Amino acid sequence: TVAAASGLSVAVGITDYYFPAPDARAGFGAGAAHT
């Protein structure tokens, strides 16, 4: 996050959404455990 004295801020981010269901397909991509 980059914040200005005025209170304005801009943030760049990255998230790994992981759904650890027992039958989830490992790896990344459509239908996989990681998005």
Full PDB file with SEQRES, HELIX, SHEET, SSBOND, CRYST1, ORIGX, SCALE, CONECT and MASTER records, all heavy atoms in Angstrom:
SEQRES   1 A   35  THR VAL ALA ALA ALA SER GLY LEU SER VAL ALA VAL GLY          
SEQRES   2 A   35  ILE THR ASP TYR TYR PHE PRO ALA PRO ASP ALA ARG ALA          
SEQRES   3 A   35  GLY PHE GLY ALA GLY ALA ALA HIS THR                          
SHEET    1 AA1 2 VAL A   2  ALA A   3  0                                        
SHEET    2 AA1 2 SER A   9  VAL A  10 -1                                        
SHEET    1 AA2 2 ARG A  25  PHE A  28  0                                        
SHEET    2 AA2 2 ALA A  32  HIS A  34  1                                        
CRYST1    1.000    1.000    1.000  90.00  90.00  90.00 P 1           1          
ORIGX1      1.000000  0.000000  0.000000        0.00000                         
ORIGX2      0.000000  1.000000  0.000000        0.00000                         
ORIGX3      0.000000  0.000000  1.000000        0.00000                         
SCALE1      1.000000  0.000000  0.000000        0.00000                         
SCALE2      0.000000  1.000000  0.000000        0.00000                         
SCALE3      0.000000  0.000000  1.000000        0.00000                         
ATOM      1  N   THR A   1       0.823  -1.199   0.000  1.00  0.00           N  
ATOM      2  CA  THR A   1       0.000   0.000   0.000  1.00  0.00           C  
ATOM      3  C   THR A   1       0.862   1.256   0.000  1.00  0.00           C  
ATOM      4  O   THR A   1       1.820   1.358   0.771  1.00  0.00           O  
ATOM      5  CB  THR A   1      -0.923   0.025   1.230  1.00  0.00           C  
ATOM      6  OG1 THR A   1      -1.731  -1.159   1.246  1.00  0.00           O  
ATOM      7  CG2 THR A   1      -1.826   1.253   1.206  1.00  0.00           C  
ATOM      8  N   VAL A   2       0.504   2.187  -0.858  1.00  0.00           N  
ATOM      9  CA  VAL A   2       1.131   3.506  -0.879  1.00  0.00           C  
ATOM     10  C   VAL A   2       0.081   4.511  -0.423  1.00  0.00           C  
ATOM     11  O   VAL A   2      -1.006   4.593  -1.007  1.00  0.00           O  
ATOM     12  CB  VAL A   2       1.631   3.869  -2.289  1.00  0.00           C  
ATOM     13  CG1 VAL A   2       2.232   5.268  -2.296  1.00  0.00           C  
ATOM     14  CG2 VAL A   2       2.663   2.848  -2.767  1.00  0.00           C  
ATOM     15  N   ALA A   3       0.391   5.251   0.661  1.00  0.00           N  
ATOM     16  CA  ALA A   3      -0.574   6.180   1.233  1.00  0.00           C  
ATOM     17  C   ALA A   3      -0.047   7.605   1.182  1.00  0.00           C  
ATOM     18  O   ALA A   3       1.139   7.855   1.424  1.00  0.00           O  
ATOM     19  CB  ALA A   3      -0.895   5.797   2.673  1.00  0.00           C  
ATOM     20  N   ALA A   4      -0.943   8.544   0.888  1.00  0.00           N  
ATOM     21  CA  ALA A   4      -0.601   9.968   0.860  1.00  0.00           C  
ATOM     22  C   ALA A   4      -0.988  10.611   2.185  1.00  0.00           C  
ATOM     23  O   ALA A   4      -1.782  10.071   2.955  1.00  0.00           O  
ATOM     24  CB  ALA A   4      -1.323  10.660  -0.287  1.00  0.00           C  
ATOM     25  N   ALA A   5      -0.437  11.772   2.449  1.00  0.00           N  
ATOM     26  CA  ALA A   5      -0.735  12.486   3.693  1.00  0.00           C  
ATOM     27  C   ALA A   5      -2.216  12.841   3.791  1.00  0.00           C  
ATOM     28  O   ALA A   5      -2.764  12.975   4.891  1.00  0.00           O  
ATOM     29  CB  ALA A   5       0.117  13.746   3.791  1.00  0.00           C  
ATOM     30  N   SER A   6      -2.878  12.979   2.666  1.00  0.00           N  
ATOM     31  CA  SER A   6      -4.298  13.335   2.649  1.00  0.00           C  
ATOM     32  C   SER A   6      -5.200  12.202   3.118  1.00  0.00           C  
ATOM     33  O   SER A   6      -6.384  12.411   3.409  1.00  0.00           O  
ATOM     34  CB  SER A   6      -4.711  13.739   1.237  1.00  0.00           C  
ATOM     35  OG  SER A   6      -4.587  12.643   0.352  1.00  0.00           O  
ATOM     36  N   GLY A   7      -4.642  10.973   3.184  1.00  0.00           N  
ATOM     37  CA  GLY A   7      -5.434   9.812   3.529  1.00  0.00           C  
ATOM     38  C   GLY A   7      -5.769   8.935   2.344  1.00  0.00           C  
ATOM     39  O   GLY A   7      -6.242   7.804   2.508  1.00  0.00           O  
ATOM     40  N   LEU A   8      -5.527   9.416   1.139  1.00  0.00           N  
ATOM     41  CA  LEU A   8      -5.729   8.604  -0.060  1.00  0.00           C  
ATOM     42  C   LEU A   8      -4.695   7.481  -0.100  1.00  0.00           C  
ATOM     43  O   LEU A   8      -3.529   7.693   0.217  1.00  0.00           O  
ATOM     44  CB  LEU A   8      -5.611   9.474  -1.302  1.00  0.00           C  
ATOM     45  CG  LEU A   8      -5.830   8.813  -2.659  1.00  0.00           C  
ATOM     46  CD1 LEU A   8      -6.413   9.819  -3.644  1.00  0.00           C  
ATOM     47  CD2 LEU A   8      -4.530   8.245  -3.223  1.00  0.00           C  
ATOM     48  N   SER A   9      -5.109   6.282  -0.497  1.00  0.00           N  
ATOM     49  CA  SER A   9      -4.175   5.165  -0.583  1.00  0.00           C  
ATOM     50  C   SER A   9      -4.494   4.284  -1.784  1.00  0.00           C  
ATOM     51  O   SER A   9      -5.650   4.194  -2.217  1.00  0.00           O  
ATOM     52  CB  SER A   9      -4.202   4.327   0.698  1.00  0.00           C  
ATOM     53  OG  SER A   9      -5.451   3.682   0.848  1.00  0.00           O  
ATOM     54  N   VAL A  10      -3.450   3.653  -2.306  1.00  0.00           N  
ATOM     55  CA  VAL A  10      -3.575   2.704  -3.407  1.00  0.00           C  
ATOM     56  C   VAL A  10      -2.816   1.440  -3.012  1.00  0.00           C  
ATOM     57  O   VAL A  10      -1.692   1.516  -2.501  1.00  0.00           O  
ATOM     58  CB  VAL A  10      -2.998   3.277  -4.717  1.00  0.00           C  
ATOM     59  CG1 VAL A  10      -3.084   2.238  -5.832  1.00  0.00           C  
ATOM     60  CG2 VAL A  10      -3.749   4.548  -5.119  1.00  0.00           C  
ATOM     61  N   ALA A  11      -3.433   0.278  -3.217  1.00  0.00           N  
ATOM     62  CA  ALA A  11      -2.819  -0.984  -2.823  1.00  0.00           C  
ATOM     63  C   ALA A  11      -2.867  -1.979  -3.979  1.00  0.00           C  
ATOM     64  O   ALA A  11      -3.887  -2.097  -4.662  1.00  0.00           O  
ATOM     65  CB  ALA A  11      -3.522  -1.570  -1.603  1.00  0.00           C  
ATOM     66  N   VAL A  12      -1.774  -2.672  -4.190  1.00  0.00           N  
ATOM     67  CA  VAL A  12      -1.740  -3.779  -5.150  1.00  0.00           C  
ATOM     68  C   VAL A  12      -1.611  -5.069  -4.348  1.00  0.00           C  
ATOM     69  O   VAL A  12      -0.971  -5.096  -3.298  1.00  0.00           O  
ATOM     70  CB  VAL A  12      -0.563  -3.644  -6.140  1.00  0.00           C  
ATOM     71  CG1 VAL A  12      -0.759  -2.452  -7.040  1.00  0.00           C  
ATOM     72  CG2 VAL A  12       0.770  -3.541  -5.410  1.00  0.00           C  
ATOM     73  N   GLY A  13      -2.261  -6.128  -4.811  1.00  0.00           N  
ATOM     74  CA  GLY A  13      -2.259  -7.348  -4.019  1.00  0.00           C  
ATOM     75  C   GLY A  13      -2.313  -8.604  -4.856  1.00  0.00           C  
ATOM     76  O   GLY A  13      -2.600  -8.572  -6.063  1.00  0.00           O  
ATOM     77  N   ILE A  14      -2.046  -9.715  -4.189  1.00  0.00           N  
ATOM     78  CA  ILE A  14      -2.156 -11.034  -4.797  1.00  0.00           C  
ATOM     79  C   ILE A  14      -2.667 -11.992  -3.730  1.00  0.00           C  
ATOM     80  O   ILE A  14      -2.266 -11.910  -2.565  1.00  0.00           O  
ATOM     81  CB  ILE A  14      -0.810 -11.519  -5.371  1.00  0.00           C  
ATOM     82  CG1 ILE A  14      -0.969 -12.891  -6.029  1.00  0.00           C  
ATOM     83  CG2 ILE A  14       0.271 -11.546  -4.300  1.00  0.00           C  
ATOM     84  CD1 ILE A  14       0.259 -13.333  -6.798  1.00  0.00           C  
ATOM     85  N   THR A  15      -3.594 -12.856  -4.113  1.00  0.00           N  
ATOM     86  CA  THR A  15      -4.188 -13.807  -3.182  1.00  0.00           C  
ATOM     87  C   THR A  15      -4.228 -15.186  -3.809  1.00  0.00           C  
ATOM     88  O   THR A  15      -4.595 -15.339  -4.984  1.00  0.00           O  
ATOM     89  CB  THR A  15      -5.631 -13.395  -2.809  1.00  0.00           C  
ATOM     90  OG1 THR A  15      -5.621 -12.095  -2.222  1.00  0.00           O  
ATOM     91  CG2 THR A  15      -6.238 -14.380  -1.817  1.00  0.00           C  
ATOM     92  N   ASP A  16      -3.849 -16.179  -3.022  1.00  0.00           N  
ATOM     93  CA  ASP A  16      -3.995 -17.576  -3.412  1.00  0.00           C  
ATOM     94  C   ASP A  16      -5.187 -18.132  -2.636  1.00  0.00           C  
ATOM     95  O   ASP A  16      -5.085 -18.417  -1.443  1.00  0.00           O  
ATOM     96  CB  ASP A  16      -2.722 -18.355  -3.079  1.00  0.00           C  
ATOM     97  CG  ASP A  16      -2.890 -19.864  -3.272  1.00  0.00           C  
ATOM     98  OD1 ASP A  16      -3.858 -20.275  -3.924  1.00  0.00           O  
ATOM     99  OD2 ASP A  16      -2.044 -20.612  -2.749  1.00  0.00           O  
ATOM    100  N   TYR A  17      -6.344 -18.243  -3.309  1.00  0.00           N  
ATOM    101  CA  TYR A  17      -7.519 -18.844  -2.691  1.00  0.00           C  
ATOM    102  C   TYR A  17      -7.356 -20.365  -2.745  1.00  0.00           C  
ATOM    103  O   TYR A  17      -7.298 -20.948  -3.826  1.00  0.00           O  
ATOM    104  CB  TYR A  17      -8.794 -18.438  -3.440  1.00  0.00           C  
ATOM    105  CG  TYR A  17      -9.064 -16.954  -3.436  1.00  0.00           C  
ATOM    106  CD1 TYR A  17      -8.896 -16.197  -4.594  1.00  0.00           C  
ATOM    107  CD2 TYR A  17      -9.500 -16.307  -2.286  1.00  0.00           C  
ATOM    108  CE1 TYR A  17      -9.161 -14.834  -4.604  1.00  0.00           C  
ATOM    109  CE2 TYR A  17      -9.754 -14.939  -2.284  1.00  0.00           C  
ATOM    110  CZ  TYR A  17      -9.589 -14.210  -3.445  1.00  0.00           C  
ATOM    111  OH  TYR A  17      -9.842 -12.864  -3.451  1.00  0.00           O  
ATOM    112  N   TYR A  18      -7.315 -20.976  -1.574  1.00  0.00           N  
ATOM    113  CA  TYR A  18      -7.077 -22.420  -1.498  1.00  0.00           C  
ATOM    114  C   TYR A  18      -8.249 -23.085  -0.785  1.00  0.00           C  
ATOM    115  O   TYR A  18      -8.573 -22.742   0.355  1.00  0.00           O  
ATOM    116  CB  TYR A  18      -5.769 -22.685  -0.752  1.00  0.00           C  
ATOM    117  CG  TYR A  18      -5.495 -24.136  -0.411  1.00  0.00           C  
ATOM    118  CD1 TYR A  18      -5.678 -25.138  -1.363  1.00  0.00           C  
ATOM    119  CD2 TYR A  18      -5.043 -24.494   0.847  1.00  0.00           C  
ATOM    120  CE1 TYR A  18      -5.425 -26.461  -1.054  1.00  0.00           C  
ATOM    121  CE2 TYR A  18      -4.774 -25.816   1.170  1.00  0.00           C  
ATOM    122  CZ  TYR A  18      -4.973 -26.793   0.218  1.00  0.00           C  
ATOM    123  OH  TYR A  18      -4.717 -28.107   0.532  1.00  0.00           O  
ATOM    124  N   PHE A  19      -8.895 -24.026  -1.463  1.00  0.00           N  
ATOM    125  CA  PHE A  19     -10.019 -24.768  -0.904  1.00  0.00           C  
ATOM    126  C   PHE A  19      -9.592 -26.215  -0.682  1.00  0.00           C  
ATOM    127  O   PHE A  19      -9.592 -27.019  -1.625  1.00  0.00           O  
ATOM    128  CB  PHE A  19     -11.222 -24.690  -1.850  1.00  0.00           C  
ATOM    129  CG  PHE A  19     -11.694 -23.278  -2.093  1.00  0.00           C  
ATOM    130  CD1 PHE A  19     -11.214 -22.543  -3.177  1.00  0.00           C  
ATOM    131  CD2 PHE A  19     -12.593 -22.686  -1.232  1.00  0.00           C  
ATOM    132  CE1 PHE A  19     -11.644 -21.242  -3.395  1.00  0.00           C  
ATOM    133  CE2 PHE A  19     -13.020 -21.382  -1.440  1.00  0.00           C  
ATOM    134  CZ  PHE A  19     -12.548 -20.657  -2.522  1.00  0.00           C  
ATOM    135  N   PRO A  20      -9.206 -26.562   0.565  1.00  0.00           N  
ATOM    136  CA  PRO A  20      -8.600 -27.870   0.836  1.00  0.00           C  
ATOM    137  C   PRO A  20      -9.623 -28.989   1.042  1.00  0.00           C  
ATOM    138  O   PRO A  20      -9.534 -29.763   1.997  1.00  0.00           O  
ATOM    139  CB  PRO A  20      -7.816 -27.604   2.124  1.00  0.00           C  
ATOM    140  CG  PRO A  20      -8.636 -26.579   2.842  1.00  0.00           C  
ATOM    141  CD  PRO A  20      -9.227 -25.702   1.763  1.00  0.00           C  
ATOM    142  N   ALA A  21     -10.608 -29.087   0.174  1.00  0.00           N  
ATOM    143  CA  ALA A  21     -11.591 -30.163   0.287  1.00  0.00           C  
ATOM    144  C   ALA A  21     -10.915 -31.505   0.020  1.00  0.00           C  
ATOM    145  O   ALA A  21      -9.970 -31.587  -0.792  1.00  0.00           O  
ATOM    146  CB  ALA A  21     -12.733 -29.931  -0.702  1.00  0.00           C  
ATOM    147  N   PRO A  22     -11.359 -32.581   0.670  1.00  0.00           N  
ATOM    148  CA  PRO A  22     -10.715 -33.892   0.484  1.00  0.00           C  
ATOM    149  C   PRO A  22     -10.679 -34.364  -0.964  1.00  0.00           C  
ATOM    150  O   PRO A  22      -9.747 -35.048  -1.388  1.00  0.00           O  
ATOM    151  CB  PRO A  22     -11.587 -34.820   1.343  1.00  0.00           C  
ATOM    152  CG  PRO A  22     -12.194 -33.931   2.377  1.00  0.00           C  
ATOM    153  CD  PRO A  22     -12.431 -32.630   1.675  1.00  0.00           C  
ATOM    154  N   ASP A  23     -11.701 -33.983  -1.756  1.00  0.00           N  
ATOM    155  CA  ASP A  23     -11.767 -34.438  -3.146  1.00  0.00           C  
ATOM    156  C   ASP A  23     -11.284 -33.383  -4.138  1.00  0.00           C  
ATOM    157  O   ASP A  23     -11.460 -33.534  -5.350  1.00  0.00           O  
ATOM    158  CB  ASP A  23     -13.192 -34.852  -3.496  1.00  0.00           C  
ATOM    159  CG  ASP A  23     -14.190 -33.713  -3.288  1.00  0.00           C  
ATOM    160  OD1 ASP A  23     -13.808 -32.701  -2.652  1.00  0.00           O  
ATOM    161  OD2 ASP A  23     -15.337 -33.843  -3.754  1.00  0.00           O  
ATOM    162  N   ALA A  24     -10.665 -32.302  -3.632  1.00  0.00           N  
ATOM    163  CA  ALA A  24     -10.226 -31.226  -4.523  1.00  0.00           C  
ATOM    164  C   ALA A  24      -9.037 -31.670  -5.376  1.00  0.00           C  
ATOM    165  O   ALA A  24      -8.164 -32.405  -4.911  1.00  0.00           O  
ATOM    166  CB  ALA A  24      -9.840 -29.997  -3.710  1.00  0.00           C  
ATOM    167  N   ARG A  25      -9.021 -31.211  -6.637  1.00  0.00           N  
ATOM    168  CA  ARG A  25      -7.906 -31.521  -7.520  1.00  0.00           C  
ATOM    169  C   ARG A  25      -6.735 -30.602  -7.195  1.00  0.00           C  
ATOM    170  O   ARG A  25      -6.874 -29.401  -7.084  1.00  0.00           O  
ATOM    171  CB  ARG A  25      -8.329 -31.332  -8.987  1.00  0.00           C  
ATOM    172  CG  ARG A  25      -7.209 -31.630  -9.983  1.00  0.00           C  
ATOM    173  CD  ARG A  25      -7.756 -31.666 -11.404  1.00  0.00           C  
ATOM    174  NE  ARG A  25      -8.316 -30.394 -11.827  1.00  0.00           N  
ATOM    175  CZ  ARG A  25      -7.585 -29.385 -12.323  1.00  0.00           C  
ATOM    176  NH1 ARG A  25      -6.251 -29.501 -12.403  1.00  0.00           N  
ATOM    177  NH2 ARG A  25      -8.164 -28.269 -12.708  1.00  0.00           N  
ATOM    178  N   ALA A  26      -5.553 -31.185  -7.025  1.00  0.00           N  
ATOM    179  CA  ALA A  26      -4.370 -30.406  -6.665  1.00  0.00           C  
ATOM    180  C   ALA A  26      -3.982 -29.463  -7.794  1.00  0.00           C  
ATOM    181  O   ALA A  26      -4.334 -29.658  -8.955  1.00  0.00           O  
ATOM    182  CB  ALA A  26      -3.203 -31.341  -6.351  1.00  0.00           C  
ATOM    183  N   GLY A  27      -3.255 -28.412  -7.419  1.00  0.00           N  
ATOM    184  CA  GLY A  27      -2.725 -27.499  -8.410  1.00  0.00           C  
ATOM    185  C   GLY A  27      -3.561 -26.248  -8.577  1.00  0.00           C  
ATOM    186  O   GLY A  27      -4.381 -25.900  -7.735  1.00  0.00           O  
ATOM    187  N   PHE A  28      -3.329 -25.550  -9.713  1.00  0.00           N  
ATOM    188  CA  PHE A  28      -3.961 -24.276 -10.005  1.00  0.00           C  
ATOM    189  C   PHE A  28      -4.833 -24.401 -11.246  1.00  0.00           C  
ATOM    190  O   PHE A  28      -4.680 -25.315 -12.042  1.00  0.00           O  
ATOM    191  CB  PHE A  28      -2.900 -23.199 -10.245  1.00  0.00           C  
ATOM    192  CG  PHE A  28      -2.115 -22.832  -9.018  1.00  0.00           C  
ATOM    193  CD1 PHE A  28      -1.148 -23.678  -8.499  1.00  0.00           C  
ATOM    194  CD2 PHE A  28      -2.340 -21.623  -8.368  1.00  0.00           C  
ATOM    195  CE1 PHE A  28      -0.418 -23.338  -7.377  1.00  0.00           C  
ATOM    196  CE2 PHE A  28      -1.623 -21.268  -7.240  1.00  0.00           C  
ATOM    197  CZ  PHE A  28      -0.658 -22.134  -6.749  1.00  0.00           C  
ATOM    198  N   GLY A  29      -5.745 -23.436 -11.393  1.00  0.00           N  
ATOM    199  CA  GLY A  29      -6.559 -23.394 -12.593  1.00  0.00           C  
ATOM    200  C   GLY A  29      -8.002 -23.755 -12.318  1.00  0.00           C  
ATOM    201  O   GLY A  29      -8.399 -24.064 -11.193  1.00  0.00           O  
ATOM    202  N   ALA A  30      -8.818 -23.733 -13.369  1.00  0.00           N  
ATOM    203  CA  ALA A  30     -10.245 -24.003 -13.248  1.00  0.00           C  
ATOM    204  C   ALA A  30     -10.482 -25.389 -12.663  1.00  0.00           C  
ATOM    205  O   ALA A  30      -9.937 -26.382 -13.132  1.00  0.00           O  
ATOM    206  CB  ALA A  30     -10.906 -23.881 -14.623  1.00  0.00           C  
ATOM    207  N   GLY A  31     -11.290 -25.458 -11.620  1.00  0.00           N  
ATOM    208  CA  GLY A  31     -11.626 -26.731 -10.993  1.00  0.00           C  
ATOM    209  C   GLY A  31     -10.590 -27.255 -10.032  1.00  0.00           C  
ATOM    210  O   GLY A  31     -10.807 -28.299  -9.410  1.00  0.00           O  
ATOM    211  N   ALA A  32      -9.459 -26.574  -9.893  1.00  0.00           N  
ATOM    212  CA  ALA A  32      -8.402 -27.032  -8.990  1.00  0.00           C  
ATOM    213  C   ALA A  32      -8.572 -26.397  -7.614  1.00  0.00           C  
ATOM    214  O   ALA A  32      -9.391 -25.501  -7.408  1.00  0.00           O  
ATOM    215  CB  ALA A  32      -7.030 -26.689  -9.568  1.00  0.00           C  
ATOM    216  N   ALA A  33      -7.753 -26.855  -6.645  1.00  0.00           N  
ATOM    217  CA  ALA A  33      -7.874 -26.380  -5.271  1.00  0.00           C  
ATOM    218  C   ALA A  33      -7.412 -24.937  -5.116  1.00  0.00           C  
ATOM    219  O   ALA A  33      -7.863 -24.235  -4.215  1.00  0.00           O  
ATOM    220  CB  ALA A  33      -7.067 -27.286  -4.336  1.00  0.00           C  
ATOM    221  N   HIS A  34      -6.496 -24.486  -5.982  1.00  0.00           N  
ATOM    222  CA  HIS A  34      -5.938 -23.142  -5.874  1.00  0.00           C  
ATOM    223  C   HIS A  34      -6.459 -22.237  -6.993  1.00  0.00           C  
ATOM    224  O   HIS A  34      -6.508 -22.639  -8.158  1.00  0.00           O  
ATOM    225  CB  HIS A  34      -4.407 -23.176  -5.962  1.00  0.00           C  
ATOM    226  CG  HIS A  34      -3.753 -23.874  -4.817  1.00  0.00           C  
ATOM    227  ND1 HIS A  34      -3.369 -23.237  -3.660  1.00  0.00           N  
ATOM    228  CD2 HIS A  34      -3.423 -25.183  -4.654  1.00  0.00           C  
ATOM    229  CE1 HIS A  34      -2.820 -24.096  -2.836  1.00  0.00           C  
ATOM    230  NE2 HIS A  34      -2.848 -25.288  -3.411  1.00  0.00           N  
ATOM    231  N   THR A  35      -6.814 -21.022  -6.610  1.00  0.00           N  
ATOM    232  CA  THR A  35      -7.201 -19.996  -7.577  1.00  0.00           C  
ATOM    233  C   THR A  35      -6.482 -18.702  -7.199  1.00  0.00           C  
ATOM    234  O   THR A  35      -6.592 -18.240  -6.059  1.00  0.00           O  
ATOM    235  CB  THR A  35      -8.719 -19.749  -7.563  1.00  0.00           C  
ATOM    236  OG1 THR A  35      -9.395 -20.950  -7.938  1.00  0.00           O  
ATOM    237  CG2 THR A  35      -9.089 -18.638  -8.534  1.00  0.00           C  
TER     238      THR A  35                                                      
MASTER        0    0    0    0    4    0    0    6  237    1    0    3          
END                                                                             
